Amino acid sequence: MADTPTAIREAMSSSGVTQIALAERLGLTQPAVSARLAGRTPITVDELRTIAAFLNVPVADLVTDAA
């Protein structure tokens, strides 16, 4: 399974969502979203929930099973 930032990028691509659109939904700047998608900044649980809802995918599709 892909890591969370990769899974988000893939879901964004499938949905045609840009980093700018995601940033607006999250109340962040595009560079802040870019940092999260590059793995430089952690994605919070609240952000993950918002991203999943915005992309219309289950949260489970965006997270890596650590087990």
N, C-alpha and C. Protein backbone atom coordinates (compact mmCIF):
# COMPACT_ATOMS: atom_id res chain seq x y z
N MET A 1 0.84 -1.18 0.00
CA MET A 1 0.00 0.00 0.00
C MET A 1 0.89 1.25 0.00
N ALA A 2 0.44 2.27 -0.70
CA ALA A 2 1.20 3.52 -0.78
C ALA A 2 1.16 4.26 0.55
N ASP A 3 2.17 5.11 0.77
CA ASP A 3 2.13 5.93 1.97
C ASP A 3 1.01 6.97 1.84
N THR A 4 0.67 7.60 2.94
CA THR A 4 -0.47 8.51 2.96
C THR A 4 -0.33 9.66 1.97
N PRO A 5 0.79 10.38 1.92
CA PRO A 5 0.88 11.47 0.93
C PRO A 5 0.71 10.97 -0.50
N THR A 6 1.29 9.81 -0.81
CA THR A 6 1.15 9.26 -2.17
C THR A 6 -0.30 8.89 -2.45
N ALA A 7 -0.95 8.27 -1.47
CA ALA A 7 -2.36 7.90 -1.64
C ALA A 7 -3.22 9.14 -1.86
N ILE A 8 -2.92 10.21 -1.16
CA ILE A 8 -3.68 11.46 -1.33
C ILE A 8 -3.43 12.02 -2.73
N ARG A 9 -2.18 12.06 -3.15
CA ARG A 9 -1.87 12.57 -4.49
C ARG A 9 -2.59 11.76 -5.56
N GLU A 10 -2.61 10.43 -5.41
CA GLU A 10 -3.29 9.57 -6.38
C GLU A 10 -4.79 9.84 -6.40
N ALA A 11 -5.39 10.01 -5.23
CA ALA A 11 -6.82 10.31 -5.15
C ALA A 11 -7.11 11.69 -5.73
N MET A 12 -6.22 12.64 -5.50
CA MET A 12 -6.38 13.97 -6.08
C MET A 12 -6.35 13.89 -7.60
N SER A 13 -5.41 13.14 -8.12
CA SER A 13 -5.28 12.99 -9.57
C SER A 13 -6.53 12.36 -10.16
N SER A 14 -7.02 11.31 -9.52
CA SER A 14 -8.22 10.63 -10.00
C SER A 14 -9.45 11.54 -9.97
N SER A 15 -9.47 12.45 -9.00
CA SER A 15 -10.61 13.34 -8.84
C SER A 15 -10.44 14.67 -9.57
N GLY A 16 -9.25 14.92 -10.11
CA GLY A 16 -9.00 16.18 -10.79
C GLY A 16 -8.88 17.36 -9.84
N VAL A 17 -8.48 17.07 -8.59
CA VAL A 17 -8.35 18.12 -7.57
C VAL A 17 -6.92 18.64 -7.56
N THR A 18 -6.77 19.95 -7.57
CA THR A 18 -5.45 20.57 -7.53
C THR A 18 -5.02 20.85 -6.10
N GLN A 19 -3.74 21.09 -5.93
CA GLN A 19 -3.24 21.48 -4.61
C GLN A 19 -3.87 22.79 -4.16
N ILE A 20 -4.13 23.68 -5.08
CA ILE A 20 -4.74 24.97 -4.73
C ILE A 20 -6.15 24.74 -4.19
N ALA A 21 -6.93 23.89 -4.86
CA ALA A 21 -8.30 23.60 -4.40
C ALA A 21 -8.27 22.94 -3.03
N LEU A 22 -7.34 22.00 -2.84
CA LEU A 22 -7.22 21.32 -1.55
C LEU A 22 -6.79 22.31 -0.47
N ALA A 23 -5.87 23.19 -0.80
CA ALA A 23 -5.42 24.20 0.16
C ALA A 23 -6.58 25.08 0.60
N GLU A 24 -7.40 25.50 -0.35
CA GLU A 24 -8.55 26.34 -0.01
C GLU A 24 -9.49 25.60 0.93
N ARG A 25 -9.73 24.32 0.66
CA ARG A 25 -10.64 23.53 1.52
C ARG A 25 -10.07 23.39 2.93
N LEU A 26 -8.74 23.21 3.02
CA LEU A 26 -8.09 23.02 4.31
C LEU A 26 -7.80 24.33 5.04
N GLY A 27 -7.92 25.44 4.35
CA GLY A 27 -7.57 26.73 4.96
C GLY A 27 -6.06 26.91 5.06
N LEU A 28 -5.34 26.31 4.13
CA LEU A 28 -3.89 26.39 4.10
C LEU A 28 -3.43 27.05 2.81
N THR A 29 -2.15 27.34 2.73
CA THR A 29 -1.57 27.82 1.48
C THR A 29 -1.20 26.62 0.62
N GLN A 30 -1.02 26.86 -0.67
CA GLN A 30 -0.60 25.77 -1.56
C GLN A 30 0.77 25.23 -1.15
N PRO A 31 1.74 26.09 -0.76
CA PRO A 31 3.02 25.54 -0.31
C PRO A 31 2.88 24.65 0.94
N ALA A 32 1.95 24.97 1.82
CA ALA A 32 1.73 24.14 3.01
C ALA A 32 1.19 22.77 2.61
N VAL A 33 0.28 22.75 1.64
CA VAL A 33 -0.24 21.47 1.13
C VAL A 33 0.88 20.70 0.45
N SER A 34 1.68 21.38 -0.33
CA SER A 34 2.81 20.74 -1.01
C SER A 34 3.74 20.08 0.00
N ALA A 35 4.01 20.77 1.10
CA ALA A 35 4.89 20.22 2.14
C ALA A 35 4.29 18.96 2.75
N ARG A 36 2.98 18.94 2.92
CA ARG A 36 2.33 17.74 3.46
C ARG A 36 2.39 16.60 2.46
N LEU A 37 2.15 16.90 1.20
CA LEU A 37 2.15 15.86 0.17
C LEU A 37 3.55 15.34 -0.14
N ALA A 38 4.56 16.12 0.22
CA ALA A 38 5.95 15.68 0.04
C ALA A 38 6.46 14.96 1.28
N GLY A 39 5.65 14.94 2.34
CA GLY A 39 6.05 14.27 3.58
C GLY A 39 6.95 15.10 4.47
N ARG A 40 7.10 16.39 4.17
CA ARG A 40 7.95 17.26 4.99
C ARG A 40 7.22 17.76 6.23
N THR A 41 5.88 17.82 6.15
CA THR A 41 5.05 18.28 7.27
C THR A 41 4.01 17.19 7.53
N PRO A 42 3.81 16.81 8.78
CA PRO A 42 2.81 15.78 9.08
C PRO A 42 1.39 16.24 8.74
N ILE A 43 0.56 15.32 8.36
CA ILE A 43 -0.85 15.58 8.10
C ILE A 43 -1.61 15.23 9.38
N THR A 44 -2.39 16.18 9.88
CA THR A 44 -3.14 15.93 11.11
C THR A 44 -4.34 15.03 10.82
N VAL A 45 -4.88 14.46 11.87
CA VAL A 45 -6.07 13.61 11.73
C VAL A 45 -7.23 14.43 11.18
N ASP A 46 -7.40 15.65 11.67
CA ASP A 46 -8.49 16.51 11.17
C ASP A 46 -8.29 16.82 9.69
N GLU A 47 -7.05 17.11 9.30
CA GLU A 47 -6.79 17.37 7.88
C GLU A 47 -7.09 16.13 7.05
N LEU A 48 -6.70 14.98 7.54
CA LEU A 48 -6.93 13.73 6.82
C LEU A 48 -8.43 13.50 6.62
N ARG A 49 -9.21 13.74 7.65
CA ARG A 49 -10.67 13.59 7.53
C ARG A 49 -11.24 14.55 6.50
N THR A 50 -10.77 15.79 6.52
CA THR A 50 -11.25 16.80 5.57
C THR A 50 -10.85 16.42 4.15
N ILE A 51 -9.62 15.96 3.98
CA ILE A 51 -9.14 15.55 2.66
C ILE A 51 -9.98 14.40 2.13
N ALA A 52 -10.21 13.40 2.97
CA ALA A 52 -10.99 12.23 2.54
C ALA A 52 -12.40 12.66 2.12
N ALA A 53 -13.02 13.51 2.90
CA ALA A 53 -14.37 13.98 2.56
C ALA A 53 -14.35 14.77 1.26
N PHE A 54 -13.36 15.63 1.09
CA PHE A 54 -13.26 16.46 -0.12
C PHE A 54 -13.04 15.60 -1.36
N LEU A 55 -12.25 14.53 -1.21
CA LEU A 55 -11.96 13.65 -2.34
C LEU A 55 -12.99 12.53 -2.47
N ASN A 56 -13.94 12.50 -1.54
CA ASN A 56 -15.00 11.50 -1.56
C ASN A 56 -14.46 10.07 -1.53
N VAL A 57 -13.50 9.86 -0.63
CA VAL A 57 -12.92 8.52 -0.42
C VAL A 57 -12.89 8.24 1.07
N PRO A 58 -12.94 6.97 1.46
CA PRO A 58 -12.82 6.65 2.89
C PRO A 58 -11.42 7.00 3.40
N VAL A 59 -11.36 7.43 4.65
CA VAL A 59 -10.06 7.72 5.27
C VAL A 59 -9.14 6.51 5.15
N ALA A 60 -9.69 5.33 5.31
CA ALA A 60 -8.89 4.09 5.26
C ALA A 60 -8.15 3.95 3.93
N ASP A 61 -8.69 4.51 2.86
CA ASP A 61 -8.02 4.45 1.56
C ASP A 61 -6.76 5.32 1.51
N LEU A 62 -6.64 6.24 2.46
CA LEU A 62 -5.52 7.18 2.43
C LEU A 62 -4.42 6.88 3.45
N VAL A 63 -4.65 5.92 4.31
CA VAL A 63 -3.66 5.63 5.34
C VAL A 63 -3.00 4.28 5.12
N THR A 64 -1.77 4.19 5.58
CA THR A 64 -1.00 2.97 5.48
C THR A 64 -1.25 2.10 6.70
N ASP A 65 -1.44 0.84 6.49
CA ASP A 65 -1.60 -0.09 7.60
C ASP A 65 -0.23 -0.33 8.21
N ALA A 66 -0.05 0.12 9.44
CA ALA A 66 1.26 0.01 10.10
C ALA A 66 1.50 -1.37 10.69
N ALA A 67 0.50 -2.22 10.69
CA ALA A 67 0.64 -3.55 11.31
C ALA A 67 1.48 -4.46 10.45
